Amino acid sequence: MTSALWYFGRGSGLVTLVLLTIVVALGIGARSGRTAFGLPRFVVNRLHRNAALLAVVLVLGHVLSLLFDPYAQLRLIDLVLPFVGQYRPWWQGLGTLAFDLVLAIVATSLLRHRIGARVWRIVHWLAYLCWPIALLHGLGNGTDNGTWWLWTIAMACLATVVVAVGWRWSPSFARFPQRAARRPNVLQEVR
């Protein structure tokens, strides 16, 4: 059972990184006024949301499997407080920080209707910070950190995000039009 937890922890961490890369790229594509990736905007939005949900489920699996794995020796405090871990505290702390940022993004997304779009958007920008922290965590903390295949996947993820961010900042990126101002409700005008 122990080796199964360890392999699941490693695999779920890597798949989560790939999914977070896809989430960042799709999130950028969803903001464009042009067709992103040859798909209509509603499809890009739906893919972005579903990939994000799957990434959250996998990161929870990653954390929980390593919490119960006797080799990883994580403590509950290591899951929420960065840089206090016993094994590679810097690299593990980056993972904890990325996890905390994901939790903040999820919490504000669930409370979006209560906190408002402006606060949600500000916190949602943490995804740009979360992604490189998660990438560094995976490259520095994992037992596979020296393997060619991990570095190949990590560099493909890096290239994907760099291209997406470069497109976002380029003049060819057209932000989708702002919503038209709402007309006052006829019933409100009568009162």
C-alpha atoms as a PDB file:
ATOM      1  CA  MET A   1       0.000   0.000   0.000  1.00  0.00           C
ATOM      2  CA  THR A   2       2.860   2.368   0.820  1.00  0.00           C
ATOM      3  CA  SER A   3       4.360   2.239  -2.655  1.00  0.00           C
ATOM      4  CA  ALA A   4       0.912   2.791  -4.182  1.00  0.00           C
ATOM      5  CA  LEU A   5       0.508   5.991  -2.162  1.00  0.00           C
ATOM      6  CA  TRP A   6       3.967   7.144  -3.195  1.00  0.00           C
ATOM      7  CA  TYR A   7       3.367   6.472  -6.894  1.00  0.00           C
ATOM      8  CA  PHE A   8      -0.045   8.112  -6.760  1.00  0.00           C
ATOM      9  CA  GLY A   9       1.440  11.135  -5.007  1.00  0.00           C
ATOM     10  CA  ARG A  10       4.124  11.509  -7.669  1.00  0.00           C
ATOM     11  CA  GLY A  11       1.793  10.893 -10.594  1.00  0.00           C
ATOM     12  CA  SER A  12      -1.007  13.109  -9.347  1.00  0.00           C
ATOM     13  CA  GLY A  13       1.461  15.933  -8.761  1.00  0.00           C
ATOM     14  CA  LEU A  14       2.738  15.729 -12.328  1.00  0.00           C
ATOM     15  CA  VAL A  15      -0.727  15.458 -13.864  1.00  0.00           C
ATOM     16  CA  THR A  16      -1.848  18.399 -11.720  1.00  0.00           C
ATOM     17  CA  LEU A  17       0.997  20.504 -13.118  1.00  0.00           C
ATOM     18  CA  VAL A  18      -0.067  19.638 -16.668  1.00  0.00           C
ATOM     19  CA  LEU A  19      -3.694  20.443 -15.835  1.00  0.00           C
ATOM     20  CA  LEU A  20      -2.758  23.752 -14.204  1.00  0.00           C
ATOM     21  CA  THR A  21      -0.841  24.611 -17.371  1.00  0.00           C
ATOM     22  CA  ILE A  22      -3.936  23.883 -19.430  1.00  0.00           C
ATOM     23  CA  VAL A  23      -6.067  25.920 -16.997  1.00  0.00           C
ATOM     24  CA  VAL A  24      -3.786  28.958 -17.321  1.00  0.00           C
ATOM     25  CA  ALA A  25      -3.720  28.734 -21.126  1.00  0.00           C
ATOM     26  CA  LEU A  26      -7.494  28.269 -21.347  1.00  0.00           C
ATOM     27  CA  GLY A  27      -8.078  31.078 -18.849  1.00  0.00           C
ATOM     28  CA  ILE A  28      -6.084  33.418 -21.057  1.00  0.00           C
ATOM     29  CA  GLY A  29      -7.917  32.153 -24.115  1.00  0.00           C
ATOM     30  CA  ALA A  30     -11.273  32.718 -22.435  1.00  0.00           C
ATOM     31  CA  ARG A  31     -10.465  36.425 -22.017  1.00  0.00           C
ATOM     32  CA  SER A  32      -9.843  36.908 -25.708  1.00  0.00           C
ATOM     33  CA  GLY A  33     -12.417  38.429 -28.015  1.00  0.00           C
ATOM     34  CA  ARG A  34     -11.160  36.152 -30.763  1.00  0.00           C
ATOM     35  CA  THR A  35     -11.736  32.477 -31.147  1.00  0.00           C
ATOM     36  CA  ALA A  36      -9.202  30.758 -28.923  1.00  0.00           C
ATOM     37  CA  PHE A  37      -7.751  27.436 -30.005  1.00  0.00           C
ATOM     38  CA  GLY A  38     -10.338  27.274 -32.789  1.00  0.00           C
ATOM     39  CA  LEU A  39     -13.131  26.839 -30.234  1.00  0.00           C
ATOM     40  CA  PRO A  40     -16.080  29.076 -29.344  1.00  0.00           C
ATOM     41  CA  ARG A  41     -15.665  31.061 -26.137  1.00  0.00           C
ATOM     42  CA  PHE A  42     -18.297  29.068 -24.219  1.00  0.00           C
ATOM     43  CA  VAL A  43     -16.386  25.847 -24.956  1.00  0.00           C
ATOM     44  CA  VAL A  44     -13.103  27.400 -23.840  1.00  0.00           C
ATOM     45  CA  ASN A  45     -14.791  28.623 -20.638  1.00  0.00           C
ATOM     46  CA  ARG A  46     -16.271  25.189 -19.940  1.00  0.00           C
ATOM     47  CA  LEU A  47     -12.947  23.432 -20.590  1.00  0.00           C
ATOM     48  CA  HIS A  48     -11.185  25.959 -18.337  1.00  0.00           C
ATOM     49  CA  ARG A  49     -13.619  25.328 -15.501  1.00  0.00           C
ATOM     50  CA  ASN A  50     -13.601  21.532 -15.842  1.00  0.00           C
ATOM     51  CA  ALA A  51      -9.802  21.332 -16.092  1.00  0.00           C
ATOM     52  CA  ALA A  52      -9.557  23.536 -13.003  1.00  0.00           C
ATOM     53  CA  LEU A  53     -11.963  21.299 -11.067  1.00  0.00           C
ATOM     54  CA  LEU A  54     -10.033  18.202 -12.085  1.00  0.00           C
ATOM     55  CA  ALA A  55      -6.759  19.889 -11.083  1.00  0.00           C
ATOM     56  CA  VAL A  56      -8.192  20.703  -7.652  1.00  0.00           C
ATOM     57  CA  VAL A  57      -9.333  17.101  -7.164  1.00  0.00           C
ATOM     58  CA  LEU A  58      -5.918  15.796  -8.189  1.00  0.00           C
ATOM     59  CA  VAL A  59      -3.995  18.245  -6.014  1.00  0.00           C
ATOM     60  CA  LEU A  60      -6.138  17.143  -3.068  1.00  0.00           C
ATOM     61  CA  GLY A  61      -5.319  13.539  -3.939  1.00  0.00           C
ATOM     62  CA  HIS A  62      -1.644  14.475  -4.239  1.00  0.00           C
ATOM     63  CA  VAL A  63      -1.595  16.101  -0.811  1.00  0.00           C
ATOM     64  CA  LEU A  64      -3.646  13.416   0.943  1.00  0.00           C
ATOM     65  CA  SER A  65      -1.696  10.507  -0.536  1.00  0.00           C
ATOM     66  CA  LEU A  66       1.582  12.055   0.611  1.00  0.00           C
ATOM     67  CA  LEU A  67       0.099  12.853   4.014  1.00  0.00           C
ATOM     68  CA  PHE A  68      -0.676   9.160   4.582  1.00  0.00           C
ATOM     69  CA  ASP A  69       2.491   7.879   2.940  1.00  0.00           C
ATOM     70  CA  PRO A  70       5.026   7.000   5.658  1.00  0.00           C
ATOM     71  CA  TYR A  71       7.946   7.754   3.334  1.00  0.00           C
ATOM     72  CA  ALA A  72       6.902  11.380   2.719  1.00  0.00           C
ATOM     73  CA  GLN A  73       6.366  11.997   6.459  1.00  0.00           C
ATOM     74  CA  LEU A  74       4.163  15.051   5.997  1.00  0.00           C
ATOM     75  CA  ARG A  75       2.478  16.543   9.009  1.00  0.00           C
ATOM     76  CA  LEU A  76      -0.852  18.372   8.958  1.00  0.00           C
ATOM     77  CA  ILE A  77       0.946  21.653   9.602  1.00  0.00           C
ATOM     78  CA  ASP A  78       3.038  21.066   6.456  1.00  0.00           C
ATOM     79  CA  LEU A  79      -0.157  21.215   4.383  1.00  0.00           C
ATOM     80  CA  VAL A  80      -1.047  24.767   5.364  1.00  0.00           C
ATOM     81  CA  LEU A  81       2.073  26.472   6.703  1.00  0.00           C
ATOM     82  CA  PRO A  82       4.833  26.847   4.091  1.00  0.00           C
ATOM     83  CA  PHE A  83       8.520  26.195   4.709  1.00  0.00           C
ATOM     84  CA  VAL A  84       8.228  24.256   7.978  1.00  0.00           C
ATOM     85  CA  GLY A  85       8.516  20.754   6.497  1.00  0.00           C
ATOM     86  CA  GLN A  86      11.240  18.334   7.492  1.00  0.00           C
ATOM     87  CA  TYR A  87      12.060  17.097   3.984  1.00  0.00           C
ATOM     88  CA  ARG A  88      13.473  19.762   1.653  1.00  0.00           C
ATOM     89  CA  PRO A  89      11.633  22.580   3.471  1.00  0.00           C
ATOM     90  CA  TRP A  90      12.131  25.159   0.715  1.00  0.00           C
ATOM     91  CA  TRP A  91      10.778  22.981  -2.109  1.00  0.00           C
ATOM     92  CA  GLN A  92       8.031  21.468   0.021  1.00  0.00           C
ATOM     93  CA  GLY A  93       7.149  24.964   1.218  1.00  0.00           C
ATOM     94  CA  LEU A  94       6.652  26.059  -2.373  1.00  0.00           C
ATOM     95  CA  GLY A  95       4.166  23.215  -2.790  1.00  0.00           C
ATOM     96  CA  THR A  96       2.364  24.280   0.371  1.00  0.00           C
ATOM     97  CA  LEU A  97       2.271  27.876  -0.847  1.00  0.00           C
ATOM     98  CA  ALA A  98       0.862  26.780  -4.219  1.00  0.00           C
ATOM     99  CA  PHE A  99      -1.719  24.648  -2.399  1.00  0.00           C
ATOM    100  CA  ASP A 100      -2.717  27.612  -0.215  1.00  0.00           C
ATOM    101  CA  LEU A 101      -3.131  29.766  -3.333  1.00  0.00           C
ATOM    102  CA  VAL A 102      -5.294  27.090  -4.965  1.00  0.00           C
ATOM    103  CA  LEU A 103      -7.440  26.970  -1.824  1.00  0.00           C
ATOM    104  CA  ALA A 104      -7.855  30.777  -1.942  1.00  0.00           C
ATOM    105  CA  ILE A 105      -8.857  30.634  -5.610  1.00  0.00           C
ATOM    106  CA  VAL A 106     -11.339  27.819  -4.956  1.00  0.00           C
ATOM    107  CA  ALA A 107     -12.826  29.529  -1.877  1.00  0.00           C
ATOM    108  CA  THR A 108     -13.358  32.815  -3.689  1.00  0.00           C
ATOM    109  CA  SER A 109     -14.775  31.031  -6.718  1.00  0.00           C
ATOM    110  CA  LEU A 110     -17.317  29.298  -4.501  1.00  0.00           C
ATOM    111  CA  LEU A 111     -18.158  32.620  -2.841  1.00  0.00           C
ATOM    112  CA  ARG A 112     -18.065  34.701  -6.016  1.00  0.00           C
ATOM    113  CA  HIS A 113     -21.730  35.674  -5.816  1.00  0.00           C
ATOM    114  CA  ARG A 114     -21.221  36.926  -2.222  1.00  0.00           C
ATOM    115  CA  ILE A 115     -17.879  38.711  -2.543  1.00  0.00           C
ATOM    116  CA  GLY A 116     -18.441  40.260  -5.951  1.00  0.00           C
ATOM    117  CA  ALA A 117     -16.688  39.951  -9.272  1.00  0.00           C
ATOM    118  CA  ARG A 118     -13.999  42.528  -8.492  1.00  0.00           C
ATOM    119  CA  VAL A 119     -12.665  40.738  -5.382  1.00  0.00           C
ATOM    120  CA  TRP A 120     -12.962  37.380  -7.118  1.00  0.00           C
ATOM    121  CA  ARG A 121     -10.984  38.667 -10.109  1.00  0.00           C
ATOM    122  CA  ILE A 122      -8.222  40.069  -7.899  1.00  0.00           C
ATOM    123  CA  VAL A 123      -7.813  36.757  -6.076  1.00  0.00           C
ATOM    124  CA  HIS A 124      -8.150  34.836  -9.336  1.00  0.00           C
ATOM    125  CA  TRP A 125      -5.027  36.610 -10.586  1.00  0.00           C
ATOM    126  CA  LEU A 126      -3.180  34.480  -8.012  1.00  0.00           C
ATOM    127  CA  ALA A 127      -3.360  31.688 -10.570  1.00  0.00           C
ATOM    128  CA  TYR A 128      -0.539  33.444 -12.383  1.00  0.00           C
ATOM    129  CA  LEU A 129       1.514  33.230  -9.190  1.00  0.00           C
ATOM    130  CA  CYS A 130       0.389  29.712  -8.281  1.00  0.00           C
ATOM    131  CA  TRP A 131       1.530  28.126 -11.536  1.00  0.00           C
ATOM    132  CA  PRO A 132       5.269  28.955 -11.417  1.00  0.00           C
ATOM    133  CA  ILE A 133       5.388  28.114  -7.704  1.00  0.00           C
ATOM    134  CA  ALA A 134       3.856  24.705  -8.434  1.00  0.00           C
ATOM    135  CA  LEU A 135       6.315  24.198 -11.308  1.00  0.00           C
ATOM    136  CA  LEU A 136       9.302  24.974  -9.068  1.00  0.00           C
ATOM    137  CA  HIS A 137       7.907  22.703  -6.350  1.00  0.00           C
ATOM    138  CA  GLY A 138       7.657  19.811  -8.780  1.00  0.00           C
ATOM    139  CA  LEU A 139      11.143  20.338 -10.148  1.00  0.00           C
ATOM    140  CA  GLY A 140      12.803  20.747  -6.766  1.00  0.00           C
ATOM    141  CA  ASN A 141      10.950  18.427  -4.418  1.00  0.00           C
ATOM    142  CA  GLY A 142      10.116  15.293  -6.329  1.00  0.00           C
ATOM    143  CA  THR A 143      12.269  12.189  -6.416  1.00  0.00           C
ATOM    144  CA  ASP A 144      12.134  12.424 -10.197  1.00  0.00           C
ATOM    145  CA  ASN A 145      13.599  15.929 -10.304  1.00  0.00           C
ATOM    146  CA  GLY A 146      16.716  14.838 -12.209  1.00  0.00           C
ATOM    147  CA  THR A 147      15.005  12.753 -14.870  1.00  0.00           C
ATOM    148  CA  TRP A 148      14.887  13.803 -18.503  1.00  0.00           C
ATOM    149  CA  TRP A 149      11.164  13.020 -18.877  1.00  0.00           C
ATOM    150  CA  LEU A 150      10.144  15.253 -15.957  1.00  0.00           C
ATOM    151  CA  TRP A 151      12.207  18.127 -17.316  1.00  0.00           C
ATOM    152  CA  THR A 152      10.735  17.576 -20.791  1.00  0.00           C
ATOM    153  CA  ILE A 153       7.187  17.782 -19.434  1.00  0.00           C
ATOM    154  CA  ALA A 154       8.074  20.787 -17.267  1.00  0.00           C
ATOM    155  CA  MET A 155       9.653  22.629 -20.203  1.00  0.00           C
ATOM    156  CA  ALA A 156       6.595  21.866 -22.382  1.00  0.00           C
ATOM    157  CA  CYS A 157       4.398  23.315 -19.624  1.00  0.00           C
ATOM    158  CA  LEU A 158       6.665  26.350 -19.364  1.00  0.00           C
ATOM    159  CA  ALA A 159       6.592  26.891 -23.126  1.00  0.00           C
ATOM    160  CA  THR A 160       2.791  26.638 -23.158  1.00  0.00           C
ATOM    161  CA  VAL A 161       2.365  29.263 -20.447  1.00  0.00           C
ATOM    162  CA  VAL A 162       5.016  31.573 -21.940  1.00  0.00           C
ATOM    163  CA  VAL A 163       3.279  31.439 -25.340  1.00  0.00           C
ATOM    164  CA  ALA A 164      -0.147  32.034 -23.765  1.00  0.00           C
ATOM    165  CA  VAL A 165       1.072  34.962 -21.649  1.00  0.00           C
ATOM    166  CA  GLY A 166       2.975  36.360 -24.643  1.00  0.00           C
ATOM    167  CA  TRP A 167      -0.234  36.195 -26.684  1.00  0.00           C
ATOM    168  CA  ARG A 168      -2.142  37.859 -23.837  1.00  0.00           C
ATOM    169  CA  TRP A 169       0.238  40.812 -23.852  1.00  0.00           C
ATOM    170  CA  SER A 170       0.551  41.050 -27.632  1.00  0.00           C
ATOM    171  CA  PRO A 171      -1.327  43.625 -29.722  1.00  0.00           C
ATOM    172  CA  SER A 172      -3.146  40.793 -31.529  1.00  0.00           C
ATOM    173  CA  PHE A 173      -4.907  39.814 -28.295  1.00  0.00           C
ATOM    174  CA  ALA A 174      -8.338  41.401 -28.349  1.00  0.00           C
ATOM    175  CA  ARG A 175     -10.087  41.385 -25.029  1.00  0.00           C
ATOM    176  CA  PHE A 176     -13.721  40.404 -25.312  1.00  0.00           C
ATOM    177  CA  PRO A 177     -16.040  43.410 -25.357  1.00  0.00           C
ATOM    178  CA  GLN A 178     -17.301  44.757 -22.075  1.00  0.00           C
ATOM    179  CA  ARG A 179     -20.926  44.163 -21.294  1.00  0.00           C
ATOM    180  CA  ALA A 180     -23.256  46.925 -22.317  1.00  0.00           C
ATOM    181  CA  ALA A 181     -24.555  49.099 -19.527  1.00  0.00           C
ATOM    182  CA  ARG A 182     -27.801  47.771 -18.198  1.00  0.00           C
ATOM    183  CA  ARG A 183     -30.908  49.766 -18.841  1.00  0.00           C
ATOM    184  CA  PRO A 184     -32.878  50.685 -15.765  1.00  0.00           C
ATOM    185  CA  ASN A 185     -35.737  48.413 -14.969  1.00  0.00           C
ATOM    186  CA  VAL A 186     -39.095  49.890 -15.988  1.00  0.00           C
ATOM    187  CA  LEU A 187     -40.515  49.064 -12.561  1.00  0.00           C
ATOM    188  CA  GLN A 188     -37.670  50.916 -10.854  1.00  0.00           C
ATOM    189  CA  GLU A 189     -38.332  54.023 -12.963  1.00  0.00           C
ATOM    190  CA  VAL A 190     -41.997  54.099 -11.905  1.00  0.00           C
ATOM    191  CA  ARG A 191     -41.115  54.056  -8.189  1.00  0.00           C
END
